[in-house]
Amino acid sequence: MTDRMPHAGDLTDQVAIQRQKYPAATDEYGAPVEEWETIATRRAKVRDANGRELWLGRQMEPEVSVSVDLYYLPELAAWRSAKEGPKMRLLEKLNGDRVLHIAAVLNPDGDQRFLTLVCKR
């Protein structure tokens, strides 16, 4: 285990891992309706990884990366290698159900012990 991997006592946050329901339901006009289902709730270590400002046209839009360490979850590992399929996200429970969109799933130690998720807010 590398120094970067958390210890059990570091996992002080609670997150709900959600998967978008697929195929998407539609409203009365035929437009897709985004629905999410919780597939697991886990203890995790959530921390802001970095902040940067992107210039888009004349607007400045902040983009913040959040790093989430948690115990290995097979559904996330399978999603990591899938090319297509439903979207996944996290709800950070201790911060008022803050939505974190998963950008990448990393297995830094190569074992099936921990995963590191890189998320966007």
PDB file of N, CA and C in Angstrom:
ATOM      1  N   MET A   1       0.835  -1.167   0.000  1.00  0.00           N
ATOM      2  CA  MET A   1       0.000   0.000   0.000  1.00  0.00           C
ATOM      3  C   MET A   1       0.884   1.236   0.000  1.00  0.00           C
ATOM      4  N   THR A   2       0.538   2.191  -0.859  1.00  0.00           N
ATOM      5  CA  THR A   2       1.353   3.393  -0.965  1.00  0.00           C
ATOM      6  C   THR A   2       0.985   4.372   0.144  1.00  0.00           C
ATOM      7  N   ASP A   3       1.854   5.372   0.333  1.00  0.00           N
ATOM      8  CA  ASP A   3       1.597   6.393   1.345  1.00  0.00           C
ATOM      9  C   ASP A   3       0.356   7.216   1.020  1.00  0.00           C
ATOM     10  N   ARG A   4      -0.010   7.254  -0.254  1.00  0.00           N
ATOM     11  CA  ARG A   4      -1.132   8.062  -0.691  1.00  0.00           C
ATOM     12  C   ARG A   4      -2.473   7.436  -0.331  1.00  0.00           C
ATOM     13  N   MET A   5      -2.515   6.181  -0.055  1.00  0.00           N
ATOM     14  CA  MET A   5      -3.772   5.503   0.227  1.00  0.00           C
ATOM     15  C   MET A   5      -4.232   5.841   1.646  1.00  0.00           C
ATOM     16  N   PRO A   6      -5.533   6.036   1.824  1.00  0.00           N
ATOM     17  CA  PRO A   6      -6.037   6.417   3.146  1.00  0.00           C
ATOM     18  C   PRO A   6      -6.068   5.244   4.109  1.00  0.00           C
ATOM     19  N   HIS A   7      -6.086   5.565   5.363  1.00  0.00           N
ATOM     20  CA  HIS A   7      -6.318   4.577   6.409  1.00  0.00           C
ATOM     21  C   HIS A   7      -7.806   4.609   6.732  1.00  0.00           C
ATOM     22  N   ALA A   8      -8.305   3.589   7.375  1.00  0.00           N
ATOM     23  CA  ALA A   8      -9.735   3.513   7.680  1.00  0.00           C
ATOM     24  C   ALA A   8     -10.217   4.746   8.440  1.00  0.00           C
ATOM     25  N   GLY A   9      -9.396   5.283   9.338  1.00  0.00           N
ATOM     26  CA  GLY A   9      -9.776   6.456  10.111  1.00  0.00           C
ATOM     27  C   GLY A   9      -9.861   7.731   9.285  1.00  0.00           C
ATOM     28  N   ASP A  10      -9.284   7.727   8.066  1.00  0.00           N
ATOM     29  CA  ASP A  10      -9.345   8.887   7.175  1.00  0.00           C
ATOM     30  C   ASP A  10     -10.677   8.994   6.445  1.00  0.00           C
ATOM     31  N   LEU A  11     -11.436   7.905   6.407  1.00  0.00           N
ATOM     32  CA  LEU A  11     -12.686   7.871   5.642  1.00  0.00           C
ATOM     33  C   LEU A  11     -13.817   8.450   6.483  1.00  0.00           C
ATOM     34  N   THR A  12     -13.831   9.770   6.594  1.00  0.00           N
ATOM     35  CA  THR A  12     -14.765  10.442   7.500  1.00  0.00           C
ATOM     36  C   THR A  12     -16.007  10.997   6.807  1.00  0.00           C
ATOM     37  N   ASP A  13     -16.032  10.972   5.493  1.00  0.00           N
ATOM     38  CA  ASP A  13     -17.176  11.477   4.743  1.00  0.00           C
ATOM     39  C   ASP A  13     -18.054  10.314   4.302  1.00  0.00           C
ATOM     40  N   GLN A  14     -19.311  10.596   4.013  1.00  0.00           N
ATOM     41  CA  GLN A  14     -20.213   9.566   3.512  1.00  0.00           C
ATOM     42  C   GLN A  14     -20.686   9.981   2.130  1.00  0.00           C
ATOM     43  N   VAL A  15     -20.588   9.050   1.166  1.00  0.00           N
ATOM     44  CA  VAL A  15     -21.037   9.326  -0.194  1.00  0.00           C
ATOM     45  C   VAL A  15     -22.001   8.238  -0.651  1.00  0.00           C
ATOM     46  N   ALA A  16     -22.959   8.645  -1.467  1.00  0.00           N
ATOM     47  CA  ALA A  16     -23.865   7.702  -2.118  1.00  0.00           C
ATOM     48  C   ALA A  16     -23.425   7.611  -3.571  1.00  0.00           C
ATOM     49  N   ILE A  17     -23.188   6.393  -4.053  1.00  0.00           N
ATOM     50  CA  ILE A  17     -22.817   6.180  -5.441  1.00  0.00           C
ATOM     51  C   ILE A  17     -24.105   5.949  -6.215  1.00  0.00           C
ATOM     52  N   GLN A  18     -24.312   6.754  -7.246  1.00  0.00           N
ATOM     53  CA  GLN A  18     -25.547   6.669  -8.011  1.00  0.00           C
ATOM     54  C   GLN A  18     -25.266   6.368  -9.475  1.00  0.00           C
ATOM     55  N   ARG A  19     -26.215   5.655 -10.082  1.00  0.00           N
ATOM     56  CA  ARG A  19     -26.138   5.310 -11.501  1.00  0.00           C
ATOM     57  C   ARG A  19     -27.393   5.875 -12.168  1.00  0.00           C
ATOM     58  N   GLN A  20     -27.200   6.452 -13.338  1.00  0.00           N
ATOM     59  CA  GLN A  20     -28.352   6.976 -14.069  1.00  0.00           C
ATOM     60  C   GLN A  20     -29.177   5.807 -14.593  1.00  0.00           C
ATOM     61  N   LYS A  21     -30.488   5.898 -14.411  1.00  0.00           N
ATOM     62  CA  LYS A  21     -31.366   4.840 -14.902  1.00  0.00           C
ATOM     63  C   LYS A  21     -31.321   4.842 -16.425  1.00  0.00           C
ATOM     64  N   TYR A  22     -31.226   3.654 -16.992  1.00  0.00           N
ATOM     65  CA  TYR A  22     -31.070   3.505 -18.428  1.00  0.00           C
ATOM     66  C   TYR A  22     -31.968   2.399 -18.916  1.00  0.00           C
ATOM     67  N   PRO A  23     -32.759   2.549 -19.942  1.00  0.00           N
ATOM     68  CA  PRO A  23     -32.900   3.761 -20.735  1.00  0.00           C
ATOM     69  C   PRO A  23     -33.672   4.815 -19.966  1.00  0.00           C
ATOM     70  N   ALA A  24     -33.441   6.049 -20.338  1.00  0.00           N
ATOM     71  CA  ALA A  24     -34.056   7.171 -19.627  1.00  0.00           C
ATOM     72  C   ALA A  24     -35.565   7.194 -19.862  1.00  0.00           C
ATOM     73  N   ALA A  25     -36.281   7.549 -18.814  1.00  0.00           N
ATOM     74  CA  ALA A  25     -37.725   7.738 -18.943  1.00  0.00           C
ATOM     75  C   ALA A  25     -37.964   9.029 -19.730  1.00  0.00           C
ATOM     76  N   THR A  26     -39.170   9.192 -20.228  1.00  0.00           N
ATOM     77  CA  THR A  26     -39.502  10.402 -20.972  1.00  0.00           C
ATOM     78  C   THR A  26     -40.701  11.092 -20.328  1.00  0.00           C
ATOM     79  N   ASP A  27     -40.773  12.394 -20.516  1.00  0.00           N
ATOM     80  CA  ASP A  27     -41.923  13.137 -20.013  1.00  0.00           C
ATOM     81  C   ASP A  27     -43.047  13.116 -21.050  1.00  0.00           C
ATOM     82  N   GLU A  28     -44.109  13.880 -20.798  1.00  0.00           N
ATOM     83  CA  GLU A  28     -45.270  13.845 -21.695  1.00  0.00           C
ATOM     84  C   GLU A  28     -44.969  14.396 -23.082  1.00  0.00           C
ATOM     85  N   TYR A  29     -43.846  15.108 -23.248  1.00  0.00           N
ATOM     86  CA  TYR A  29     -43.464  15.641 -24.555  1.00  0.00           C
ATOM     87  C   TYR A  29     -42.417  14.778 -25.250  1.00  0.00           C
ATOM     88  N   GLY A  30     -42.023  13.684 -24.622  1.00  0.00           N
ATOM     89  CA  GLY A  30     -41.034  12.788 -25.206  1.00  0.00           C
ATOM     90  C   GLY A  30     -39.597  13.139 -24.896  1.00  0.00           C
ATOM     91  N   ALA A  31     -39.380  14.164 -24.085  1.00  0.00           N
ATOM     92  CA  ALA A  31     -38.023  14.556 -23.702  1.00  0.00           C
ATOM     93  C   ALA A  31     -37.514  13.623 -22.602  1.00  0.00           C
ATOM     94  N   PRO A  32     -36.242  13.256 -22.659  1.00  0.00           N
ATOM     95  CA  PRO A  32     -35.707  12.366 -21.624  1.00  0.00           C
ATOM     96  C   PRO A  32     -35.711  13.021 -20.242  1.00  0.00           C
ATOM     97  N   VAL A  33     -36.029  12.230 -19.227  1.00  0.00           N
ATOM     98  CA  VAL A  33     -36.038  12.681 -17.839  1.00  0.00           C
ATOM     99  C   VAL A  33     -34.889  11.976 -17.126  1.00  0.00           C
ATOM    100  N   GLU A  34     -34.033  12.756 -16.492  1.00  0.00           N
ATOM    101  CA  GLU A  34     -32.871  12.198 -15.808  1.00  0.00           C
ATOM    102  C   GLU A  34     -33.297  11.626 -14.460  1.00  0.00           C
ATOM    103  N   GLU A  35     -33.122  10.316 -14.277  1.00  0.00           N
ATOM    104  CA  GLU A  35     -33.428   9.657 -13.006  1.00  0.00           C
ATOM    105  C   GLU A  35     -32.188   8.917 -12.537  1.00  0.00           C
ATOM    106  N   TRP A  36     -31.967   8.934 -11.210  1.00  0.00           N
ATOM    107  CA  TRP A  36     -30.787   8.313 -10.621  1.00  0.00           C
ATOM    108  C   TRP A  36     -31.214   7.309  -9.566  1.00  0.00           C
ATOM    109  N   GLU A  37     -30.449   6.217  -9.457  1.00  0.00           N
ATOM    110  CA  GLU A  37     -30.683   5.231  -8.404  1.00  0.00           C
ATOM    111  C   GLU A  37     -29.398   5.047  -7.613  1.00  0.00           C
ATOM    112  N   THR A  38     -29.529   4.938  -6.303  1.00  0.00           N
ATOM    113  CA  THR A  38     -28.373   4.725  -5.436  1.00  0.00           C
ATOM    114  C   THR A  38     -28.032   3.248  -5.437  1.00  0.00           C
ATOM    115  N   ILE A  39     -26.769   2.931  -5.790  1.00  0.00           N
ATOM    116  CA  ILE A  39     -26.346   1.528  -5.817  1.00  0.00           C
ATOM    117  C   ILE A  39     -25.524   1.154  -4.583  1.00  0.00           C
ATOM    118  N   ALA A  40     -24.980   2.163  -3.886  1.00  0.00           N
ATOM    119  CA  ALA A  40     -24.205   1.888  -2.675  1.00  0.00           C
ATOM    120  C   ALA A  40     -23.985   3.184  -1.902  1.00  0.00           C
ATOM    121  N   THR A  41     -23.774   3.043  -0.613  1.00  0.00           N
ATOM    122  CA  THR A  41     -23.374   4.155   0.246  1.00  0.00           C
ATOM    123  C   THR A  41     -22.094   3.725   0.942  1.00  0.00           C
ATOM    124  N   ARG A  42     -21.083   4.565   0.890  1.00  0.00           N
ATOM    125  CA  ARG A  42     -19.769   4.212   1.428  1.00  0.00           C
ATOM    126  C   ARG A  42     -19.175   5.363   2.217  1.00  0.00           C
ATOM    127  N   ARG A  43     -18.237   5.015   3.118  1.00  0.00           N
ATOM    128  CA  ARG A  43     -17.392   5.999   3.800  1.00  0.00           C
ATOM    129  C   ARG A  43     -16.268   6.336   2.821  1.00  0.00           C
ATOM    130  N   ALA A  44     -15.858   7.592   2.811  1.00  0.00           N
ATOM    131  CA  ALA A  44     -14.849   8.034   1.856  1.00  0.00           C
ATOM    132  C   ALA A  44     -14.056   9.204   2.421  1.00  0.00           C
ATOM    133  N   LYS A  45     -12.977   9.526   1.738  1.00  0.00           N
ATOM    134  CA  LYS A  45     -12.187  10.718   2.041  1.00  0.00           C
ATOM    135  C   LYS A  45     -12.362  11.644   0.836  1.00  0.00           C
ATOM    136  N   VAL A  46     -13.052  12.764   1.045  1.00  0.00           N
ATOM    137  CA  VAL A  46     -13.342  13.713  -0.030  1.00  0.00           C
ATOM    138  C   VAL A  46     -12.498  14.956   0.189  1.00  0.00           C
ATOM    139  N   ARG A  47     -11.786  15.389  -0.852  1.00  0.00           N
ATOM    140  CA  ARG A  47     -10.973  16.600  -0.728  1.00  0.00           C
ATOM    141  C   ARG A  47     -10.898  17.309  -2.076  1.00  0.00           C
ATOM    142  N   ASP A  48     -10.880  18.622  -2.022  1.00  0.00           N
ATOM    143  CA  ASP A  48     -10.702  19.408  -3.238  1.00  0.00           C
ATOM    144  C   ASP A  48      -9.277  19.207  -3.717  1.00  0.00           C
ATOM    145  N   ALA A  49      -9.138  18.772  -4.981  1.00  0.00           N
ATOM    146  CA  ALA A  49      -7.812  18.488  -5.517  1.00  0.00           C
ATOM    147  C   ALA A  49      -7.140  19.755  -6.033  1.00  0.00           C
ATOM    148  N   ASN A  50      -7.885  20.570  -6.765  1.00  0.00           N
ATOM    149  CA  ASN A  50      -7.323  21.816  -7.267  1.00  0.00           C
ATOM    150  C   ASN A  50      -8.441  22.712  -7.762  1.00  0.00           C
ATOM    151  N   GLY A  51      -8.123  23.949  -7.994  1.00  0.00           N
ATOM    152  CA  GLY A  51      -9.092  24.882  -8.563  1.00  0.00           C
ATOM    153  C   GLY A  51      -8.428  25.641  -9.682  1.00  0.00           C
ATOM    154  N   ARG A  52      -9.158  25.874 -10.736  1.00  0.00           N
ATOM    155  CA  ARG A  52      -8.615  26.669 -11.827  1.00  0.00           C
ATOM    156  C   ARG A  52      -9.767  27.386 -12.508  1.00  0.00           C
ATOM    157  N   GLU A  53      -9.416  28.435 -13.187  1.00  0.00           N
ATOM    158  CA  GLU A  53     -10.445  29.196 -13.866  1.00  0.00           C
ATOM    159  C   GLU A  53     -10.240  29.037 -15.366  1.00  0.00           C
ATOM    160  N   LEU A  54     -11.311  28.677 -16.041  1.00  0.00           N
ATOM    161  CA  LEU A  54     -11.274  28.521 -17.490  1.00  0.00           C
ATOM    162  C   LEU A  54     -11.966  29.705 -18.132  1.00  0.00           C
ATOM    163  N   TRP A  55     -11.367  30.214 -19.166  1.00  0.00           N
ATOM    164  CA  TRP A  55     -11.975  31.312 -19.906  1.00  0.00           C
ATOM    165  C   TRP A  55     -12.731  30.709 -21.071  1.00  0.00           C
ATOM    166  N   LEU A  56     -14.026  30.895 -21.075  1.00  0.00           N
ATOM    167  CA  LEU A  56     -14.874  30.404 -22.152  1.00  0.00           C
ATOM    168  C   LEU A  56     -15.516  31.624 -22.812  1.00  0.00           C
ATOM    169  N   GLY A  57     -15.014  31.986 -23.965  1.00  0.00           N
ATOM    170  CA  GLY A  57     -15.499  33.205 -24.592  1.00  0.00           C
ATOM    171  C   GLY A  57     -15.135  34.373 -23.715  1.00  0.00           C
ATOM    172  N   ARG A  58     -16.128  35.125 -23.292  1.00  0.00           N
ATOM    173  CA  ARG A  58     -15.882  36.260 -22.404  1.00  0.00           C
ATOM    174  C   ARG A  58     -16.204  35.922 -20.962  1.00  0.00           C
ATOM    175  N   GLN A  59     -16.696  34.723 -20.732  1.00  0.00           N
ATOM    176  CA  GLN A  59     -17.071  34.357 -19.373  1.00  0.00           C
ATOM    177  C   GLN A  59     -15.956  33.571 -18.715  1.00  0.00           C
ATOM    178  N   MET A  60     -15.814  33.792 -17.424  1.00  0.00           N
ATOM    179  CA  MET A  60     -14.872  33.020 -16.636  1.00  0.00           C
ATOM    180  C   MET A  60     -15.701  32.010 -15.857  1.00  0.00           C
ATOM    181  N   GLU A  61     -15.365  30.719 -15.994  1.00  0.00           N
ATOM    182  CA  GLU A  61     -16.118  29.673 -15.314  1.00  0.00           C
ATOM    183  C   GLU A  61     -15.171  28.845 -14.448  1.00  0.00           C
ATOM    184  N   PRO A  62     -15.424  28.755 -13.143  1.00  0.00           N
ATOM    185  CA  PRO A  62     -14.531  27.961 -12.293  1.00  0.00           C
ATOM    186  C   PRO A  62     -14.755  26.467 -12.505  1.00  0.00           C
ATOM    187  N   GLU A  63     -13.678  25.724 -12.475  1.00  0.00           N
ATOM    188  CA  GLU A  63     -13.762  24.272 -12.557  1.00  0.00           C
ATOM    189  C   GLU A  63     -12.958  23.713 -11.396  1.00  0.00           C
ATOM    190  N   VAL A  64     -13.596  22.949 -10.543  1.00  0.00           N
ATOM    191  CA  VAL A  64     -12.931  22.419  -9.364  1.00  0.00           C
ATOM    192  C   VAL A  64     -12.923  20.903  -9.445  1.00  0.00           C
ATOM    193  N   SER A  65     -11.763  20.331  -9.277  1.00  0.00           N
ATOM    194  CA  SER A  65     -11.647  18.879  -9.214  1.00  0.00           C
ATOM    195  C   SER A  65     -11.699  18.441  -7.761  1.00  0.00           C
ATOM    196  N   VAL A  66     -12.412  17.364  -7.530  1.00  0.00           N
ATOM    197  CA  VAL A  66     -12.529  16.790  -6.196  1.00  0.00           C
ATOM    198  C   VAL A  66     -12.000  15.367  -6.274  1.00  0.00           C
ATOM    199  N   SER A  67     -11.167  14.998  -5.327  1.00  0.00           N
ATOM    200  CA  SER A  67     -10.624  13.653  -5.259  1.00  0.00           C
ATOM    201  C   SER A  67     -11.342  12.897  -4.143  1.00  0.00           C
ATOM    202  N   VAL A  68     -11.782  11.681  -4.445  1.00  0.00           N
ATOM    203  CA  VAL A  68     -12.517  10.868  -3.479  1.00  0.00           C
ATOM    204  C   VAL A  68     -11.846   9.503  -3.376  1.00  0.00           C
ATOM    205  N   ASP A  69     -11.379   9.158  -2.182  1.00  0.00           N
ATOM    206  CA  ASP A  69     -10.803   7.838  -1.917  1.00  0.00           C
ATOM    207  C   ASP A  69     -11.838   7.013  -1.177  1.00  0.00           C
ATOM    208  N   LEU A  70     -12.035   5.783  -1.622  1.00  0.00           N
ATOM    209  CA  LEU A  70     -12.971   4.891  -0.943  1.00  0.00           C
ATOM    210  C   LEU A  70     -12.547   3.452  -1.163  1.00  0.00           C
ATOM    211  N   TYR A  71     -13.131   2.566  -0.349  1.00  0.00           N
ATOM    212  CA  TYR A  71     -12.841   1.143  -0.519  1.00  0.00           C
ATOM    213  C   TYR A  71     -13.345   0.670  -1.872  1.00  0.00           C
ATOM    214  N   TYR A  72     -12.675  -0.315  -2.407  1.00  0.00           N
ATOM    215  CA  TYR A  72     -12.968  -0.875  -3.725  1.00  0.00           C
ATOM    216  C   TYR A  72     -14.441  -1.262  -3.843  1.00  0.00           C
ATOM    217  N   LEU A  73     -15.036  -0.920  -4.964  1.00  0.00           N
ATOM    218  CA  LEU A  73     -16.421  -1.266  -5.255  1.00  0.00           C
ATOM    219  C   LEU A  73     -16.465  -1.825  -6.673  1.00  0.00           C
ATOM    220  N   PRO A  74     -16.857  -3.098  -6.861  1.00  0.00           N
ATOM    221  CA  PRO A  74     -16.814  -3.723  -8.194  1.00  0.00           C
ATOM    222  C   PRO A  74     -17.585  -2.953  -9.262  1.00  0.00           C
ATOM    223  N   GLU A  75     -18.722  -2.339  -8.902  1.00  0.00           N
ATOM    224  CA  GLU A  75     -19.502  -1.593  -9.899  1.00  0.00           C
ATOM    225  C   GLU A  75     -18.721  -0.408 -10.459  1.00  0.00           C
ATOM    226  N   LEU A  76     -17.950   0.261  -9.610  1.00  0.00           N
ATOM    227  CA  LEU A  76     -17.132   1.379 -10.078  1.00  0.00           C
ATOM    228  C   LEU A  76     -15.961   0.886 -10.918  1.00  0.00           C
ATOM    229  N   ALA A  77     -15.364  -0.220 -10.532  1.00  0.00           N
ATOM    230  CA  ALA A  77     -14.261  -0.776 -11.309  1.00  0.00           C
ATOM    231  C   ALA A  77     -14.749  -1.215 -12.686  1.00  0.00           C
ATOM    232  N   ALA A  78     -15.935  -1.795 -12.760  1.00  0.00           N
ATOM    233  CA  ALA A  78     -16.502  -2.217 -14.042  1.00  0.00           C
ATOM    234  C   ALA A  78     -16.843  -0.994 -14.888  1.00  0.00           C
ATOM    235  N   TRP A  79     -17.365   0.051 -14.273  1.00  0.00           N
ATOM    236  CA  TRP A  79     -17.694   1.278 -14.993  1.00  0.00           C
ATOM    237  C   TRP A  79     -16.438   1.920 -15.563  1.00  0.00           C
ATOM    238  N   ARG A  80     -15.362   1.778 -14.836  1.00  0.00           N
ATOM    239  CA  ARG A  80     -14.073   2.338 -15.261  1.00  0.00           C
ATOM    240  C   ARG A  80     -13.639   1.784 -16.601  1.00  0.00           C
ATOM    241  N   SER A  81     -13.884   0.509 -16.848  1.00  0.00           N
ATOM    242  CA  SER A  81     -13.423  -0.119 -18.077  1.00  0.00           C
ATOM    243  C   SER A  81     -14.479  -0.147 -19.178  1.00  0.00           C
ATOM    244  N   ALA A  82     -15.705   0.261 -18.853  1.00  0.00           N
ATOM    245  CA  ALA A  82     -16.772   0.245 -19.856  1.00  0.00           C
ATOM    246  C   ALA A  82     -16.641   1.444 -20.788  1.00  0.00           C
ATOM    247  N   LYS A  83     -16.898   1.207 -22.059  1.00  0.00           N
ATOM    248  CA  LYS A  83     -16.844   2.285 -23.048  1.00  0.00           C
ATOM    249  C   LYS A  83     -18.169   3.031 -23.118  1.00  0.00           C
ATOM    250  N   GLU A  84     -19.256   2.341 -22.857  1.00  0.00           N
ATOM    251  CA  GLU A  84     -20.578   2.945 -22.912  1.00  0.00           C
ATOM    252  C   GLU A  84     -21.356   2.518 -21.688  1.00  0.00           C
ATOM    253  N   GLY A  85     -22.524   3.091 -21.528  1.00  0.00           N
ATOM    254  CA  GLY A  85     -23.365   2.699 -20.412  1.00  0.00           C
ATOM    255  C   GLY A  85     -23.864   3.901 -19.656  1.00  0.00           C
ATOM    256  N   PRO A  86     -24.566   3.665 -18.567  1.00  0.00           N
ATOM    257  CA  PRO A  86     -25.147   4.777 -17.820  1.00  0.00           C
ATOM    258  C   PRO A  86     -24.087   5.611 -17.114  1.00  0.00           C
ATOM    259  N   LYS A  87     -24.410   6.866 -16.919  1.00  0.00           N
ATOM    260  CA  LYS A  87     -23.528   7.768 -16.177  1.00  0.00           C
ATOM    261  C   LYS A  87     -23.564   7.391 -14.701  1.00  0.00           C
ATOM    262  N   MET A  88     -22.495   7.762 -13.992  1.00  0.00           N
ATOM    263  CA  MET A  88     -22.450   7.554 -12.545  1.00  0.00           C
ATOM    264  C   MET A  88     -22.019   8.857 -11.891  1.00  0.00           C
ATOM    265  N   ARG A  89     -22.470   9.047 -10.643  1.00  0.00           N
ATOM    266  CA  ARG A  89     -22.109  10.230  -9.881  1.00  0.00           C
ATOM    267  C   ARG A  89     -22.112   9.894  -8.401  1.00  0.00           C
ATOM    268  N   LEU A  90     -21.620  10.847  -7.601  1.00  0.00           N
ATOM    269  CA  LEU A  90     -21.621  10.715  -6.150  1.00  0.00           C
ATOM    270  C   LEU A  90     -22.455  11.829  -5.549  1.00  0.00           C
ATOM    271  N   LEU A  91     -23.095  11.523  -4.439  1.00  0.00           N
ATOM    272  CA  LEU A  91     -23.714  12.548  -3.608  1.00  0.00           C
ATOM    273  C   LEU A  91     -22.928  12.566  -2.313  1.00  0.00           C
ATOM    274  N   GLU A  92     -22.325  13.702  -1.999  1.00  0.00           N
ATOM    275  CA  GLU A  92     -21.568  13.837  -0.759  1.00  0.00           C
ATOM    276  C   GLU A  92     -22.554  14.228   0.334  1.00  0.00           C
ATOM    277  N   LYS A  93     -22.836  13.297   1.230  1.00  0.00           N
ATOM    278  CA  LYS A  93     -23.887  13.459   2.234  1.00  0.00           C
ATOM    279  C   LYS A  93     -23.599  14.553   3.261  1.00  0.00           C
ATOM    280  N   LEU A  94     -22.365  14.709   3.692  1.00  0.00           N
ATOM    281  CA  LEU A  94     -22.049  15.652   4.757  1.00  0.00           C
ATOM    282  C   LEU A  94     -22.005  17.090   4.281  1.00  0.00           C
ATOM    283  N   ASN A  95     -22.095  17.307   2.984  1.00  0.00           N
ATOM    284  CA  ASN A  95     -22.076  18.658   2.433  1.00  0.00           C
ATOM    285  C   ASN A  95     -23.398  18.982   1.768  1.00  0.00           C
ATOM    286  N   GLY A  96     -24.507  18.538   2.349  1.00  0.00           N
ATOM    287  CA  GLY A  96     -25.823  18.864   1.824  1.00  0.00           C
ATOM    288  C   GLY A  96     -26.133  18.206   0.497  1.00  0.00           C
ATOM    289  N   ASP A  97     -25.736  16.966   0.325  1.00  0.00           N
ATOM    290  CA  ASP A  97     -25.972  16.236  -0.924  1.00  0.00           C
ATOM    291  C   ASP A  97     -25.350  16.937  -2.132  1.00  0.00           C
ATOM    292  N   ARG A  98     -24.116  17.389  -1.983  1.00  0.00           N
ATOM    293  CA  ARG A  98     -23.385  18.003  -3.093  1.00  0.00           C
ATOM    294  C   ARG A  98     -23.163  16.948  -4.170  1.00  0.00           C
ATOM    295  N   VAL A  99     -23.488  17.281  -5.407  1.00  0.00           N
ATOM    296  CA  VAL A  99     -23.343  16.347  -6.526  1.00  0.00           C
ATOM    297  C   VAL A  99     -21.923  16.428  -7.069  1.00  0.00           C
ATOM    298  N   LEU A 100     -21.276  15.271  -7.187  1.00  0.00           N
ATOM    299  CA  LEU A 100     -19.933  15.165  -7.756  1.00  0.00           C
ATOM    300  C   LEU A 100     -20.011  14.257  -8.982  1.00  0.00           C
ATOM    301  N   HIS A 101     -19.682  14.788 -10.149  1.00  0.00           N
ATOM    302  CA  HIS A 101     -19.732  14.025 -11.395  1.00  0.00           C
ATOM    303  C   HIS A 101     -18.407  13.300 -11.597  1.00  0.00           C
ATOM    304  N   ILE A 102     -18.448  11.996 -11.743  1.00  0.00           N
ATOM    305  CA  ILE A 102     -17.238  11.182 -11.853  1.00  0.00           C
ATOM    306  C   ILE A 102     -16.612  11.361 -13.233  1.00  0.00           C
ATOM    307  N   ALA A 103     -15.355  11.807 -13.254  1.00  0.00           N
ATOM    308  CA  ALA A 103     -14.616  11.982 -14.501  1.00  0.00           C
ATOM    309  C   ALA A 103     -13.677  10.808 -14.755  1.00  0.00           C
ATOM    310  N   ALA A 104     -13.126  10.220 -13.683  1.00  0.00           N
ATOM    311  CA  ALA A 104     -12.189   9.107 -13.830  1.00  0.00           C
ATOM    312  C   ALA A 104     -12.202   8.252 -12.576  1.00  0.00           C
ATOM    313  N   VAL A 105     -11.976   6.949 -12.768  1.00  0.00           N
ATOM    314  CA  VAL A 105     -11.865   6.003 -11.667  1.00  0.00           C
ATOM    315  C   VAL A 105     -10.469   5.401 -11.752  1.00  0.00           C
ATOM    316  N   LEU A 106      -9.678   5.590 -10.698  1.00  0.00           N
ATOM    317  CA  LEU A 106      -8.295   5.111 -10.667  1.00  0.00           C
ATOM    318  C   LEU A 106      -8.136   4.041  -9.606  1.00  0.00           C
ATOM    319  N   ASN A 107      -7.274   3.095  -9.888  1.00  0.00           N
ATOM    320  CA  ASN A 107      -6.922   2.051  -8.929  1.00  0.00           C
ATOM    321  C   ASN A 107      -5.434   2.213  -8.644  1.00  0.00           C
ATOM    322  N   PRO A 108      -5.060   3.195  -7.806  1.00  0.00           N
ATOM    323  CA  PRO A 108      -3.662   3.590  -7.670  1.00  0.00           C
ATOM    324  C   PRO A 108      -2.715   2.530  -7.136  1.00  0.00           C
ATOM    325  N   ASP A 109      -3.175   1.646  -6.279  1.00  0.00           N
ATOM    326  CA  ASP A 109      -2.251   0.644  -5.741  1.00  0.00           C
ATOM    327  C   ASP A 109      -2.274  -0.655  -6.539  1.00  0.00           C
ATOM    328  N   GLY A 110      -3.148  -0.761  -7.545  1.00  0.00           N
ATOM    329  CA  GLY A 110      -3.209  -1.957  -8.381  1.00  0.00           C
ATOM    330  C   GLY A 110      -3.921  -3.123  -7.734  1.00  0.00           C
ATOM    331  N   ASP A 111      -4.264  -3.011  -6.463  1.00  0.00           N
ATOM    332  CA  ASP A 111      -4.989  -4.062  -5.753  1.00  0.00           C
ATOM    333  C   ASP A 111      -6.473  -3.728  -5.781  1.00  0.00           C
ATOM    334  N   GLN A 112      -7.249  -4.610  -5.291  1.00  0.00           N
ATOM    335  CA  GLN A 112      -8.677  -4.358  -5.186  1.00  0.00           C
ATOM    336  C   GLN A 112      -9.002  -3.957  -3.753  1.00  0.00           C
ATOM    337  N   ARG A 113      -8.320  -2.892  -3.295  1.00  0.00           N
ATOM    338  CA  ARG A 113      -8.531  -2.409  -1.936  1.00  0.00           C
ATOM    339  C   ARG A 113      -9.167  -1.035  -1.927  1.00  0.00           C
ATOM    340  N   PHE A 114      -8.607  -0.115  -2.697  1.00  0.00           N
ATOM    341  CA  PHE A 114      -9.088   1.265  -2.741  1.00  0.00           C
ATOM    342  C   PHE A 114      -9.265   1.721  -4.185  1.00  0.00           C
ATOM    343  N   LEU A 115     -10.143   2.678  -4.367  1.00  0.00           N
ATOM    344  CA  LEU A 115     -10.285   3.377  -5.636  1.00  0.00           C
ATOM    345  C   LEU A 115     -10.171   4.867  -5.346  1.00  0.00           C
ATOM    346  N   THR A 116      -9.633   5.607  -6.291  1.00  0.00           N
ATOM    347  CA  THR A 116      -9.611   7.056  -6.231  1.00  0.00           C
ATOM    348  C   THR A 116     -10.456   7.566  -7.377  1.00  0.00           C
ATOM    349  N   LEU A 117     -11.442   8.383  -7.076  1.00  0.00           N
ATOM    350  CA  LEU A 117     -12.312   8.954  -8.086  1.00  0.00           C
ATOM    351  C   LEU A 117     -11.952  10.418  -8.262  1.00  0.00           C
ATOM    352  N   VAL A 118     -11.794  10.826  -9.503  1.00  0.00           N
ATOM    353  CA  VAL A 118     -11.588  12.233  -9.814  1.00  0.00           C
ATOM    354  C   VAL A 118     -12.947  12.739 -10.287  1.00  0.00           C
ATOM    355  N   CYS A 119     -13.463  13.751  -9.606  1.00  0.00           N
ATOM    356  CA  CYS A 119     -14.819  14.240  -9.869  1.00  0.00           C
ATOM    357  C   CYS A 119     -14.793  15.738 -10.142  1.00  0.00           C
ATOM    358  N   LYS A 120     -15.840  16.190 -10.812  1.00  0.00           N
ATOM    359  CA  LYS A 120     -16.065  17.612 -11.060  1.00  0.00           C
ATOM    360  C   LYS A 120     -17.310  18.043 -10.324  1.00  0.00           C
ATOM    361  N   ARG A 121     -17.283  19.233  -9.778  1.00  0.00           N
ATOM    362  CA  ARG A 121     -18.472  19.771  -9.114  1.00  0.00           C
ATOM    363  C   ARG A 121     -19.290  20.559 -10.089  1.00  0.00           C
TER     364      ARG A 121
END
